C-alpha atoms as a PDB file:
ATOM      1  CA  MET A   1      -0.203  -0.019   0.437  1.00  0.00           C
ATOM      2  CA  GLY A   2       1.299   3.080  -0.791  1.00  0.00           C
ATOM      3  CA  GLU A   3       0.826   6.770   0.996  1.00  0.00           C
ATOM      4  CA  ASP A   4      -1.532   7.934  -1.806  1.00  0.00           C
ATOM      5  CA  ASP A   5      -3.902   5.355  -1.336  1.00  0.00           C
ATOM      6  CA  PHE A   6      -3.341   5.497   3.185  1.00  0.00           C
ATOM      7  CA  GLY A   7      -3.858   9.447   2.691  1.00  0.00           C
ATOM      8  CA  HIS A   8      -6.663   9.247   0.649  1.00  0.00           C
ATOM      9  CA  LEU A   9      -8.397   6.289   2.277  1.00  0.00           C
ATOM     10  CA  GLU A  10      -7.575   8.498   6.412  1.00  0.00           C
ATOM     11  CA  ARG A  11      -9.017  11.880   4.700  1.00  0.00           C
ATOM     12  CA  LEU A  12     -12.506   9.856   3.812  1.00  0.00           C
ATOM     13  CA  VAL A  13     -12.594   8.397   7.011  1.00  0.00           C
ATOM     14  CA  SER A  14     -12.858  11.749   8.195  1.00  0.00           C
ATOM     15  CA  GLU A  15     -15.648  12.948   6.691  1.00  0.00           C
ATOM     16  CA  LEU A  16     -17.776   9.669   6.791  1.00  0.00           C
ATOM     17  CA  GLY A  17     -17.108   9.879  10.776  1.00  0.00           C
ATOM     18  CA  ALA A  18     -18.814  13.272  10.599  1.00  0.00           C
ATOM     19  CA  ARG A  19     -21.475  12.314   8.604  1.00  0.00           C
ATOM     20  CA  GLY A  20     -22.132   9.273  11.849  1.00  0.00           C
ATOM     21  CA  LEU A  21     -20.881   6.832   9.998  1.00  0.00           C
ATOM     22  CA  LEU A  22     -18.520   4.052  12.097  1.00  0.00           C
ATOM     23  CA  ALA A  23     -15.521   4.635   9.870  1.00  0.00           C
ATOM     24  CA  ARG A  24     -11.815   2.924   9.575  1.00  0.00           C
ATOM     25  CA  VAL A  25      -8.825   1.874   7.890  1.00  0.00           C
ATOM     26  CA  VAL A  26      -8.276  -2.396   7.084  1.00  0.00           C
ATOM     27  CA  ARG A  27      -4.779  -3.390   5.594  1.00  0.00           C
ATOM     28  CA  THR A  28      -4.949  -7.237   4.642  1.00  0.00           C
ATOM     29  CA  GLN A  29      -2.240  -9.779   5.161  1.00  0.00           C
ATOM     30  CA  LYS A  30      -1.710  -8.634   1.410  1.00  0.00           C
ATOM     31  CA  GLY A  31      -0.963  -5.296   2.671  1.00  0.00           C
ATOM     32  CA  ARG A  32      -3.982  -4.245   0.316  1.00  0.00           C
ATOM     33  CA  ALA A  33      -6.206  -0.924   2.323  1.00  0.00           C
ATOM     34  CA  PHE A  34      -9.826  -0.413   2.497  1.00  0.00           C
ATOM     35  CA  VAL A  35     -11.956   1.608   4.348  1.00  0.00           C
ATOM     36  CA  ARG A  36     -15.119  -0.804   6.690  1.00  0.00           C
ATOM     37  CA  VAL A  37     -17.852   1.822   6.548  1.00  0.00           C
ATOM     38  CA  ILE A  38     -20.655   0.591   9.006  1.00  0.00           C
ATOM     39  CA  ASN A  39     -24.187   2.676   9.678  1.00  0.00           C
ATOM     40  CA  PRO A  40     -24.007   2.413  13.602  1.00  0.00           C
ATOM     41  CA  SER A  41     -28.210   3.352  13.338  1.00  0.00           C
ATOM     42  CA  ALA A  42     -28.306  -0.388  10.971  1.00  0.00           C
ATOM     43  CA  THR A  43     -25.672  -2.065  11.202  1.00  0.00           C
ATOM     44  CA  SER A  44     -26.001  -4.381   8.500  1.00  0.00           C
ATOM     45  CA  LEU A  45     -25.966  -2.026   6.259  1.00  0.00           C
ATOM     46  CA  ALA A  46     -22.152  -1.838   5.203  1.00  0.00           C
ATOM     47  CA  GLU A  47     -20.122  -1.024   2.412  1.00  0.00           C
ATOM     48  CA  ASN A  48     -16.197  -1.707   1.659  1.00  0.00           C
ATOM     49  CA  VAL A  49     -14.202   1.126   0.096  1.00  0.00           C
ATOM     50  CA  THR A  50     -10.834   0.517  -1.897  1.00  0.00           C
ATOM     51  CA  CYS A  51      -8.516   3.344  -3.343  1.00  0.00           C
ATOM     52  CA  ARG A  52      -6.698   2.874  -6.630  1.00  0.00           C
ATOM     53  CA  PRO A  53      -5.200   5.004  -9.074  1.00  0.00           C
ATOM     54  CA  VAL A  54      -6.583   5.114 -12.989  1.00  0.00           C
ATOM     55  CA  PRO A  55      -3.710   6.108 -15.086  1.00  0.00           C
ATOM     56  CA  VAL A  56      -5.333   9.017 -17.807  1.00  0.00           C
ATOM     57  CA  THR A  57      -3.125  10.452 -20.485  1.00  0.00           C
ATOM     58  CA  ASP A  58       0.274  11.380 -19.462  1.00  0.00           C
ATOM     59  CA  GLN A  59      -0.835  11.511 -14.969  1.00  0.00           C
ATOM     60  CA  THR A  60      -2.486   8.894 -12.842  1.00  0.00           C
ATOM     61  CA  ASP A  61      -5.661  10.472 -10.793  1.00  0.00           C
ATOM     62  CA  TRP A  62      -6.960   8.678  -7.910  1.00  0.00           C
ATOM     63  CA  TYR A  63     -10.398   6.881  -7.340  1.00  0.00           C
ATOM     64  CA  PHE A  64     -12.349   5.870  -4.961  1.00  0.00           C
ATOM     65  CA  TRP A  65     -13.908   2.520  -5.518  1.00  0.00           C
ATOM     66  CA  TRP A  66     -16.750   0.401  -4.627  1.00  0.00           C
ATOM     67  CA  SER A  67     -16.819  -2.779  -2.904  1.00  0.00           C
ATOM     68  CA  TRP A  68     -18.316  -4.542  -6.052  1.00  0.00           C
ATOM     69  CA  GLY A  69     -15.684  -2.818  -8.377  1.00  0.00           C
ATOM     70  CA  GLU A  70     -16.808   0.435  -9.545  1.00  0.00           C
ATOM     71  CA  LYS A  71     -15.532   3.668  -9.472  1.00  0.00           C
ATOM     72  CA  MET A  72     -17.355   6.037  -6.892  1.00  0.00           C
ATOM     73  CA  HIS A  73     -15.868   9.304  -7.028  1.00  0.00           C
ATOM     74  CA  ARG A  74     -12.416  11.100  -7.107  1.00  0.00           C
ATOM     75  CA  ALA A  75     -10.134  10.377  -3.833  1.00  0.00           C
ATOM     76  CA  ASP A  76      -8.744  14.249  -4.410  1.00  0.00           C
ATOM     77  CA  ASP A  77     -12.230  14.818  -3.089  1.00  0.00           C
ATOM     78  CA  PRO A  78     -13.087  12.653  -0.224  1.00  0.00           C
ATOM     79  CA  ALA A  79     -16.491  14.444   1.283  1.00  0.00           C
ATOM     80  CA  GLY A  80     -18.231  13.837  -2.299  1.00  0.00           C
ATOM     81  CA  ALA A  81     -16.665  10.194  -1.836  1.00  0.00           C
ATOM     82  CA  ALA A  82     -18.696  10.554   2.275  1.00  0.00           C
ATOM     83  CA  THR A  83     -21.815  12.032   0.811  1.00  0.00           C
ATOM     84  CA  LYS A  84     -22.452   9.300  -1.427  1.00  0.00           C
ATOM     85  CA  VAL A  85     -21.690   6.155   0.744  1.00  0.00           C
ATOM     86  CA  ALA A  86     -23.635   8.295   3.229  1.00  0.00           C
ATOM     87  CA  ARG A  87     -26.463   8.329   0.424  1.00  0.00           C
ATOM     88  CA  VAL A  88     -26.660   4.384   0.249  1.00  0.00           C
ATOM     89  CA  LEU A  89     -26.039   3.519   3.459  1.00  0.00           C
ATOM     90  CA  ALA A  90     -28.217   5.428   4.965  1.00  0.00           C
ATOM     91  CA  ALA A  91     -31.768   3.381   6.630  1.00  0.00           C
ATOM     92  CA  VAL A  92     -34.935   3.716   5.844  1.00  0.00           C
ATOM     93  CA  GLY A  93     -36.227   7.423   7.729  1.00  0.00           C
ATOM     94  CA  GLU A  94     -32.704   8.625   8.016  1.00  0.00           C
END
């Protein structure tokens, strides 16, 4: 795991916490990292978010990715990504 993805994941954790979600960076035995997010009001609502680069012409852009492999949001906007995760993990009536 590089410094870039760890920093992005930590910033996402902070934004998710500000939205009332429980979040932490988890590192697998293979060294990969992801954010485990849980809605404390409905603990069955949870998601794992990864961060990885996508090469774009002459530069590399970092993105957050949903657990099912779909690109979610640019990593340089953790607040926007946290808003999307909070919307997906919202319990009925929240």
